[in-house]
Amino acid sequence: MIYLANDHNGVERMKFVKKWLTENGYEWESVGADTFIKTDSYVDYVKKANQKILEDKNNRGIYLCGTGIGVAMAGNRTKGIRAFFCNNKQTAYFARLHEDANVICFGVGYKGYPKFSNKKLVECLKMFFNTQFEGDRHINRIKSLDEI
């Protein structure tokens, strides 16, 4: 299952993500904002998604906010969540291959912050979902991350 979390900035882009996931046969559940209300907090949505993701090691997450930085930081506050800010498919590849990342985070654009195209977002999602964790020498690193 893929859990979706976004604040008001990510409402419109998350509509695109939901449509793409559905069209490509992925099961998803949204715990994020559905409307543009500036008083919401991505932290609340990320907390809910993190708990859901931890229910099964195969669960994944997609988090969105204006820059992608806040949701990545919030995601990593929970033991067992390995969230990363993604801006290209190579980052998605290595986050899965070496770090067993279970949450991908995107910025949707913000005043003075670059926009991220739907095409680029899809390239990153495909890489994230199709790359398997290499394991081996990286397993001890993952365990150490959970001990911090």
N, C-alpha and C. Protein backbone atom coordinates (compact mmCIF):
# COMPACT_ATOMS: atom_id res chain seq x y z
N MET A 1 0.85 -1.17 0.00
CA MET A 1 0.00 0.00 0.00
C MET A 1 0.90 1.24 0.00
N ILE A 2 0.46 2.24 -0.69
CA ILE A 2 1.19 3.51 -0.75
C ILE A 2 0.35 4.55 -0.01
N TYR A 3 0.97 5.21 0.95
CA TYR A 3 0.29 6.25 1.73
C TYR A 3 0.75 7.62 1.27
N LEU A 4 -0.22 8.48 1.09
CA LEU A 4 0.02 9.82 0.55
C LEU A 4 -0.22 10.86 1.62
N ALA A 5 0.74 11.78 1.75
CA ALA A 5 0.60 12.88 2.71
C ALA A 5 1.02 14.17 2.02
N ASN A 6 0.22 15.20 2.17
CA ASN A 6 0.54 16.50 1.58
C ASN A 6 -0.17 17.60 2.36
N ASP A 7 0.43 18.77 2.30
CA ASP A 7 -0.22 19.94 2.88
C ASP A 7 -0.98 20.67 1.79
N HIS A 8 -1.43 21.87 2.10
CA HIS A 8 -2.21 22.66 1.14
C HIS A 8 -1.45 22.92 -0.16
N ASN A 9 -0.14 23.08 -0.07
CA ASN A 9 0.65 23.32 -1.29
C ASN A 9 0.64 22.14 -2.25
N GLY A 10 0.46 20.96 -1.72
CA GLY A 10 0.52 19.76 -2.55
C GLY A 10 -0.81 19.23 -3.05
N VAL A 11 -1.90 19.92 -2.77
CA VAL A 11 -3.23 19.41 -3.13
C VAL A 11 -3.35 19.14 -4.62
N GLU A 12 -3.03 20.10 -5.45
CA GLU A 12 -3.21 19.93 -6.90
C GLU A 12 -2.26 18.88 -7.46
N ARG A 13 -1.01 18.88 -7.06
CA ARG A 13 -0.06 17.89 -7.58
C ARG A 13 -0.44 16.48 -7.10
N MET A 14 -0.98 16.37 -5.89
CA MET A 14 -1.35 15.06 -5.39
C MET A 14 -2.51 14.49 -6.19
N LYS A 15 -3.36 15.33 -6.75
CA LYS A 15 -4.43 14.83 -7.63
C LYS A 15 -3.81 14.11 -8.83
N PHE A 16 -2.75 14.68 -9.37
CA PHE A 16 -2.04 14.04 -10.48
C PHE A 16 -1.44 12.71 -10.02
N VAL A 17 -0.80 12.69 -8.85
CA VAL A 17 -0.17 11.47 -8.33
C VAL A 17 -1.21 10.37 -8.13
N LYS A 18 -2.35 10.72 -7.56
CA LYS A 18 -3.42 9.74 -7.32
C LYS A 18 -3.89 9.13 -8.64
N LYS A 19 -4.08 9.97 -9.63
CA LYS A 19 -4.53 9.50 -10.95
C LYS A 19 -3.48 8.57 -11.56
N TRP A 20 -2.21 8.96 -11.49
CA TRP A 20 -1.14 8.14 -12.05
C TRP A 20 -1.06 6.79 -11.33
N LEU A 21 -1.13 6.80 -10.01
CA LEU A 21 -1.07 5.56 -9.24
C LEU A 21 -2.21 4.63 -9.62
N THR A 22 -3.41 5.17 -9.69
CA THR A 22 -4.58 4.37 -10.06
C THR A 22 -4.42 3.78 -11.46
N GLU A 23 -4.03 4.61 -12.41
CA GLU A 23 -3.86 4.15 -13.80
C GLU A 23 -2.78 3.08 -13.94
N ASN A 24 -1.85 3.05 -13.00
CA ASN A 24 -0.75 2.09 -13.06
C ASN A 24 -0.90 0.93 -12.07
N GLY A 25 -2.09 0.79 -11.52
CA GLY A 25 -2.42 -0.39 -10.72
C GLY A 25 -1.92 -0.39 -9.29
N TYR A 26 -1.53 0.75 -8.76
CA TYR A 26 -1.06 0.83 -7.38
C TYR A 26 -2.22 1.08 -6.42
N GLU A 27 -2.18 0.44 -5.27
CA GLU A 27 -3.15 0.71 -4.22
C GLU A 27 -2.62 1.85 -3.37
N TRP A 28 -3.48 2.81 -3.05
CA TRP A 28 -3.04 3.96 -2.28
C TRP A 28 -4.15 4.42 -1.34
N GLU A 29 -3.71 5.13 -0.32
CA GLU A 29 -4.63 5.77 0.62
C GLU A 29 -4.06 7.14 0.95
N SER A 30 -4.90 8.13 0.90
CA SER A 30 -4.46 9.49 1.21
C SER A 30 -4.85 9.87 2.64
N VAL A 31 -3.89 10.44 3.34
CA VAL A 31 -4.16 11.00 4.67
C VAL A 31 -3.84 12.49 4.67
N GLY A 32 -3.65 13.05 3.48
CA GLY A 32 -3.26 14.44 3.33
C GLY A 32 -4.42 15.38 3.09
N ALA A 33 -4.08 16.63 2.89
CA ALA A 33 -5.07 17.69 2.66
C ALA A 33 -5.76 17.48 1.32
N ASP A 34 -7.04 17.78 1.28
CA ASP A 34 -7.82 17.73 0.04
C ASP A 34 -8.17 19.12 -0.47
N THR A 35 -7.94 20.13 0.37
CA THR A 35 -8.28 21.50 0.01
C THR A 35 -7.13 22.42 0.37
N PHE A 36 -7.12 23.58 -0.26
CA PHE A 36 -6.06 24.55 -0.03
C PHE A 36 -6.43 25.44 1.16
N ILE A 37 -6.06 24.97 2.35
CA ILE A 37 -6.28 25.74 3.58
C ILE A 37 -4.92 25.95 4.22
N LYS A 38 -4.45 27.20 4.23
CA LYS A 38 -3.08 27.48 4.66
C LYS A 38 -2.81 27.20 6.13
N THR A 39 -3.82 26.94 6.93
CA THR A 39 -3.59 26.69 8.35
C THR A 39 -3.29 25.23 8.65
N ASP A 40 -3.32 24.36 7.63
CA ASP A 40 -3.01 22.97 7.89
C ASP A 40 -1.50 22.79 8.09
N SER A 41 -1.11 21.64 8.60
CA SER A 41 0.31 21.39 8.84
C SER A 41 0.70 20.03 8.26
N TYR A 42 1.72 20.04 7.43
CA TYR A 42 2.18 18.77 6.87
C TYR A 42 2.62 17.81 7.96
N VAL A 43 3.04 18.32 9.10
CA VAL A 43 3.50 17.45 10.19
C VAL A 43 2.39 16.49 10.61
N ASP A 44 1.18 16.99 10.75
CA ASP A 44 0.06 16.13 11.16
C ASP A 44 -0.21 15.03 10.14
N TYR A 45 -0.17 15.38 8.87
CA TYR A 45 -0.41 14.39 7.82
C TYR A 45 0.72 13.36 7.74
N VAL A 46 1.94 13.82 7.89
CA VAL A 46 3.09 12.92 7.84
C VAL A 46 3.05 11.94 9.01
N LYS A 47 2.70 12.40 10.19
CA LYS A 47 2.59 11.50 11.35
C LYS A 47 1.62 10.36 11.06
N LYS A 48 0.46 10.70 10.50
CA LYS A 48 -0.54 9.67 10.17
C LYS A 48 -0.01 8.70 9.14
N ALA A 49 0.60 9.21 8.09
CA ALA A 49 1.14 8.35 7.04
C ALA A 49 2.26 7.46 7.57
N ASN A 50 3.15 8.03 8.38
CA ASN A 50 4.25 7.24 8.94
C ASN A 50 3.73 6.03 9.70
N GLN A 51 2.72 6.22 10.52
CA GLN A 51 2.16 5.12 11.31
C GLN A 51 1.60 4.03 10.40
N LYS A 52 0.94 4.44 9.35
CA LYS A 52 0.38 3.47 8.39
C LYS A 52 1.50 2.71 7.67
N ILE A 53 2.54 3.41 7.28
CA ILE A 53 3.64 2.78 6.55
C ILE A 53 4.31 1.71 7.41
N LEU A 54 4.44 1.96 8.69
CA LEU A 54 5.12 1.02 9.58
C LEU A 54 4.33 -0.25 9.86
N GLU A 55 3.07 -0.30 9.44
CA GLU A 55 2.25 -1.49 9.65
C GLU A 55 2.70 -2.67 8.79
N ASP A 56 3.40 -2.41 7.69
CA ASP A 56 3.85 -3.48 6.79
C ASP A 56 5.14 -3.01 6.12
N LYS A 57 6.17 -3.83 6.14
CA LYS A 57 7.47 -3.42 5.59
C LYS A 57 7.42 -3.15 4.09
N ASN A 58 6.38 -3.61 3.41
CA ASN A 58 6.24 -3.36 1.98
C ASN A 58 5.52 -2.06 1.66
N ASN A 59 4.98 -1.40 2.66
CA ASN A 59 4.30 -0.14 2.45
C ASN A 59 5.30 0.94 2.04
N ARG A 60 4.82 1.91 1.29
CA ARG A 60 5.63 3.04 0.85
C ARG A 60 4.84 4.33 1.05
N GLY A 61 5.54 5.45 0.92
CA GLY A 61 4.88 6.73 1.05
C GLY A 61 5.33 7.72 0.00
N ILE A 62 4.43 8.62 -0.34
CA ILE A 62 4.73 9.76 -1.20
C ILE A 62 4.24 10.99 -0.45
N TYR A 63 5.18 11.90 -0.16
CA TYR A 63 4.86 13.10 0.61
C TYR A 63 5.16 14.34 -0.23
N LEU A 64 4.29 15.33 -0.15
CA LEU A 64 4.45 16.57 -0.90
C LEU A 64 4.22 17.79 -0.01
N CYS A 65 5.04 18.80 -0.21
CA CYS A 65 4.81 20.12 0.36
C CYS A 65 5.42 21.13 -0.60
N GLY A 66 5.45 22.37 -0.24
CA GLY A 66 5.95 23.40 -1.15
C GLY A 66 7.37 23.14 -1.63
N THR A 67 8.25 22.79 -0.72
CA THR A 67 9.65 22.55 -1.08
C THR A 67 10.04 21.08 -1.06
N GLY A 68 9.30 20.26 -0.34
CA GLY A 68 9.65 18.85 -0.15
C GLY A 68 10.58 18.63 1.02
N ILE A 69 11.18 19.69 1.48
CA ILE A 69 12.15 19.61 2.58
C ILE A 69 11.45 19.33 3.90
N GLY A 70 10.38 20.05 4.17
CA GLY A 70 9.65 19.89 5.44
C GLY A 70 9.09 18.50 5.62
N VAL A 71 8.45 17.95 4.57
CA VAL A 71 7.87 16.62 4.72
C VAL A 71 8.96 15.56 4.88
N ALA A 72 10.11 15.75 4.24
CA ALA A 72 11.22 14.80 4.41
C ALA A 72 11.74 14.84 5.84
N MET A 73 11.90 16.04 6.37
CA MET A 73 12.37 16.17 7.75
C MET A 73 11.37 15.57 8.74
N ALA A 74 10.09 15.86 8.53
CA ALA A 74 9.05 15.31 9.41
C ALA A 74 9.00 13.80 9.30
N GLY A 75 9.12 13.29 8.09
CA GLY A 75 9.08 11.84 7.89
C GLY A 75 10.16 11.12 8.65
N ASN A 76 11.33 11.69 8.65
CA ASN A 76 12.48 11.04 9.29
C ASN A 76 12.48 11.13 10.82
N ARG A 77 11.50 11.76 11.39
CA ARG A 77 11.40 11.84 12.86
C ARG A 77 10.84 10.56 13.47
N THR A 78 10.39 9.63 12.64
CA THR A 78 9.80 8.38 13.12
C THR A 78 10.74 7.22 12.83
N LYS A 79 11.06 6.46 13.86
CA LYS A 79 11.93 5.29 13.72
C LYS A 79 11.32 4.34 12.68
N GLY A 80 12.13 3.91 11.73
CA GLY A 80 11.68 2.99 10.71
C GLY A 80 11.29 3.66 9.41
N ILE A 81 11.16 4.96 9.45
CA ILE A 81 10.86 5.70 8.22
C ILE A 81 12.17 6.25 7.67
N ARG A 82 12.38 5.99 6.38
CA ARG A 82 13.56 6.50 5.69
C ARG A 82 13.09 7.32 4.50
N ALA A 83 12.84 8.59 4.78
CA ALA A 83 12.30 9.51 3.79
C ALA A 83 13.44 10.29 3.14
N PHE A 84 13.26 10.62 1.87
CA PHE A 84 14.27 11.41 1.19
C PHE A 84 13.62 12.40 0.24
N PHE A 85 14.26 13.53 0.11
CA PHE A 85 13.86 14.55 -0.85
C PHE A 85 14.37 14.12 -2.22
N CYS A 86 13.50 14.09 -3.20
CA CYS A 86 13.89 13.62 -4.52
C CYS A 86 13.76 14.73 -5.55
N ASN A 87 14.81 14.89 -6.35
CA ASN A 87 14.75 15.86 -7.44
C ASN A 87 15.23 15.28 -8.77
N ASN A 88 15.57 13.98 -8.77
CA ASN A 88 15.91 13.31 -10.04
C ASN A 88 15.84 11.79 -9.85
N LYS A 89 15.78 11.07 -10.95
CA LYS A 89 15.60 9.62 -10.86
C LYS A 89 16.82 8.90 -10.30
N GLN A 90 18.02 9.48 -10.44
CA GLN A 90 19.21 8.87 -9.86
C GLN A 90 19.13 8.87 -8.33
N THR A 91 18.61 9.95 -7.78
CA THR A 91 18.43 10.02 -6.33
C THR A 91 17.44 8.95 -5.88
N ALA A 92 16.35 8.78 -6.62
CA ALA A 92 15.37 7.74 -6.29
C ALA A 92 16.01 6.36 -6.35
N TYR A 93 16.82 6.13 -7.35
CA TYR A 93 17.48 4.84 -7.52
C TYR A 93 18.37 4.51 -6.31
N PHE A 94 19.26 5.41 -5.96
CA PHE A 94 20.19 5.12 -4.87
C PHE A 94 19.52 5.15 -3.49
N ALA A 95 18.47 5.93 -3.36
CA ALA A 95 17.74 5.93 -2.08
C ALA A 95 17.12 4.56 -1.82
N ARG A 96 16.63 3.91 -2.86
CA ARG A 96 16.07 2.56 -2.71
C ARG A 96 17.19 1.52 -2.65
N LEU A 97 18.16 1.59 -3.56
CA LEU A 97 19.19 0.56 -3.67
C LEU A 97 20.06 0.46 -2.43
N HIS A 98 20.51 1.59 -1.92
CA HIS A 98 21.46 1.58 -0.80
C HIS A 98 20.84 1.90 0.55
N GLU A 99 19.74 2.63 0.57
CA GLU A 99 19.19 3.09 1.86
C GLU A 99 17.86 2.46 2.21
N ASP A 100 17.30 1.65 1.32
CA ASP A 100 15.99 1.02 1.52
C ASP A 100 14.94 2.07 1.90
N ALA A 101 15.00 3.22 1.22
CA ALA A 101 14.05 4.30 1.50
C ALA A 101 12.62 3.81 1.30
N ASN A 102 11.74 4.23 2.20
CA ASN A 102 10.34 3.82 2.07
C ASN A 102 9.40 5.01 1.84
N VAL A 103 9.95 6.22 1.81
CA VAL A 103 9.14 7.42 1.53
C VAL A 103 9.91 8.33 0.59
N ILE A 104 9.24 8.73 -0.48
CA ILE A 104 9.80 9.68 -1.44
C ILE A 104 9.08 11.03 -1.26
N CYS A 105 9.84 12.10 -1.22
CA CYS A 105 9.29 13.42 -0.95
C CYS A 105 9.60 14.38 -2.09
N PHE A 106 8.61 15.17 -2.46
CA PHE A 106 8.77 16.12 -3.55
C PHE A 106 8.33 17.51 -3.13
N GLY A 107 9.00 18.49 -3.69
CA GLY A 107 8.54 19.87 -3.62
C GLY A 107 7.69 20.14 -4.84
N VAL A 108 6.60 20.85 -4.64
CA VAL A 108 5.68 21.10 -5.75
C VAL A 108 5.85 22.49 -6.34
N GLY A 109 6.74 23.24 -5.77
CA GLY A 109 6.96 24.61 -6.23
C GLY A 109 6.46 25.60 -5.20
N TYR A 110 7.17 26.65 -5.07
CA TYR A 110 6.89 27.64 -4.03
C TYR A 110 7.49 28.94 -4.51
N LYS A 111 7.06 30.05 -3.98
CA LYS A 111 7.64 31.32 -4.39
C LYS A 111 9.16 31.26 -4.29
N GLY A 112 9.83 31.49 -5.41
CA GLY A 112 11.28 31.48 -5.42
C GLY A 112 11.90 30.09 -5.42
N TYR A 113 11.08 29.06 -5.53
CA TYR A 113 11.55 27.67 -5.51
C TYR A 113 11.17 27.01 -6.82
N PRO A 114 12.04 26.25 -7.43
CA PRO A 114 11.76 25.71 -8.77
C PRO A 114 10.57 24.75 -8.81
N LYS A 115 9.88 24.77 -9.93
CA LYS A 115 8.78 23.84 -10.17
C LYS A 115 9.35 22.49 -10.61
N PHE A 116 8.59 21.46 -10.39
CA PHE A 116 8.97 20.09 -10.72
C PHE A 116 7.92 19.56 -11.67
N SER A 117 8.30 19.17 -12.89
CA SER A 117 7.32 18.75 -13.89
C SER A 117 6.71 17.39 -13.55
N ASN A 118 5.50 17.17 -14.05
CA ASN A 118 4.85 15.87 -13.87
C ASN A 118 5.67 14.76 -14.52
N LYS A 119 6.28 15.04 -15.67
CA LYS A 119 7.10 14.04 -16.36
C LYS A 119 8.27 13.61 -15.47
N LYS A 120 8.94 14.55 -14.88
CA LYS A 120 10.08 14.25 -14.01
C LYS A 120 9.62 13.50 -12.75
N LEU A 121 8.47 13.90 -12.22
CA LEU A 121 7.92 13.24 -11.04
C LEU A 121 7.65 11.77 -11.35
N VAL A 122 7.05 11.49 -12.50
CA VAL A 122 6.75 10.11 -12.88
C VAL A 122 8.03 9.30 -13.06
N GLU A 123 9.05 9.87 -13.66
CA GLU A 123 10.33 9.18 -13.79
C GLU A 123 10.87 8.77 -12.42
N CYS A 124 10.77 9.67 -11.46
CA CYS A 124 11.25 9.39 -10.11
C CYS A 124 10.40 8.32 -9.43
N LEU A 125 9.08 8.40 -9.58
CA LEU A 125 8.20 7.40 -8.98
C LEU A 125 8.47 6.02 -9.56
N LYS A 126 8.63 5.92 -10.85
CA LYS A 126 8.93 4.62 -11.48
C LYS A 126 10.22 4.04 -10.92
N MET A 127 11.23 4.86 -10.81
CA MET A 127 12.51 4.39 -10.28
C MET A 127 12.35 3.95 -8.82
N PHE A 128 11.64 4.72 -8.04
CA PHE A 128 11.41 4.42 -6.63
C PHE A 128 10.69 3.08 -6.47
N PHE A 129 9.66 2.85 -7.25
CA PHE A 129 8.87 1.62 -7.11
C PHE A 129 9.53 0.41 -7.75
N ASN A 130 10.41 0.61 -8.71
CA ASN A 130 10.99 -0.53 -9.43
C ASN A 130 12.40 -0.91 -8.99
N THR A 131 12.98 -0.18 -8.07
CA THR A 131 14.32 -0.49 -7.59
C THR A 131 14.22 -1.25 -6.27
N GLN A 132 14.92 -2.36 -6.20
CA GLN A 132 14.93 -3.18 -5.00
C GLN A 132 16.14 -2.83 -4.13
N PHE A 133 15.97 -2.92 -2.83
CA PHE A 133 17.05 -2.71 -1.88
C PHE A 133 18.11 -3.77 -2.09
N GLU A 134 19.36 -3.35 -2.18
CA GLU A 134 20.48 -4.25 -2.42
C GLU A 134 20.81 -5.13 -1.21
N GLY A 135 20.51 -4.64 -0.03
CA GLY A 135 20.81 -5.42 1.17
C GLY A 135 22.30 -5.48 1.44
N ASP A 136 22.78 -6.68 1.76
CA ASP A 136 24.20 -6.94 1.96
C ASP A 136 24.82 -5.94 2.93
N ARG A 137 25.85 -5.24 2.48
CA ARG A 137 26.61 -4.34 3.35
C ARG A 137 25.79 -3.15 3.85
N HIS A 138 24.64 -2.91 3.22
CA HIS A 138 23.83 -1.75 3.60
C HIS A 138 22.90 -2.05 4.79
N ILE A 139 22.71 -3.30 5.11
CA ILE A 139 21.78 -3.68 6.18
C ILE A 139 22.20 -3.09 7.52
N ASN A 140 23.48 -3.16 7.84
CA ASN A 140 23.94 -2.61 9.12
C ASN A 140 23.72 -1.11 9.20
N ARG A 141 23.85 -0.41 8.08
CA ARG A 141 23.59 1.03 8.07
C ARG A 141 22.13 1.31 8.41
N ILE A 142 21.23 0.53 7.85
CA ILE A 142 19.81 0.72 8.10
C ILE A 142 19.52 0.49 9.59
N LYS A 143 20.10 -0.54 10.14
CA LYS A 143 19.91 -0.82 11.57
C LYS A 143 20.46 0.34 12.42
N SER A 144 21.62 0.87 12.03
CA SER A 144 22.20 2.00 12.75
C SER A 144 21.33 3.25 12.68
N LEU A 145 20.72 3.47 11.54
CA LEU A 145 19.81 4.62 11.42
C LEU A 145 18.67 4.51 12.43
N ASP A 146 18.14 3.32 12.60
CA ASP A 146 17.03 3.14 13.54
C ASP A 146 17.45 3.26 15.00
N GLU A 147 18.75 3.20 15.26
CA GLU A 147 19.23 3.33 16.64
C GLU A 147 19.49 4.78 17.04
N ILE A 148 19.49 5.68 16.07
CA ILE A 148 19.76 7.10 16.38
C ILE A 148 18.63 7.67 17.20
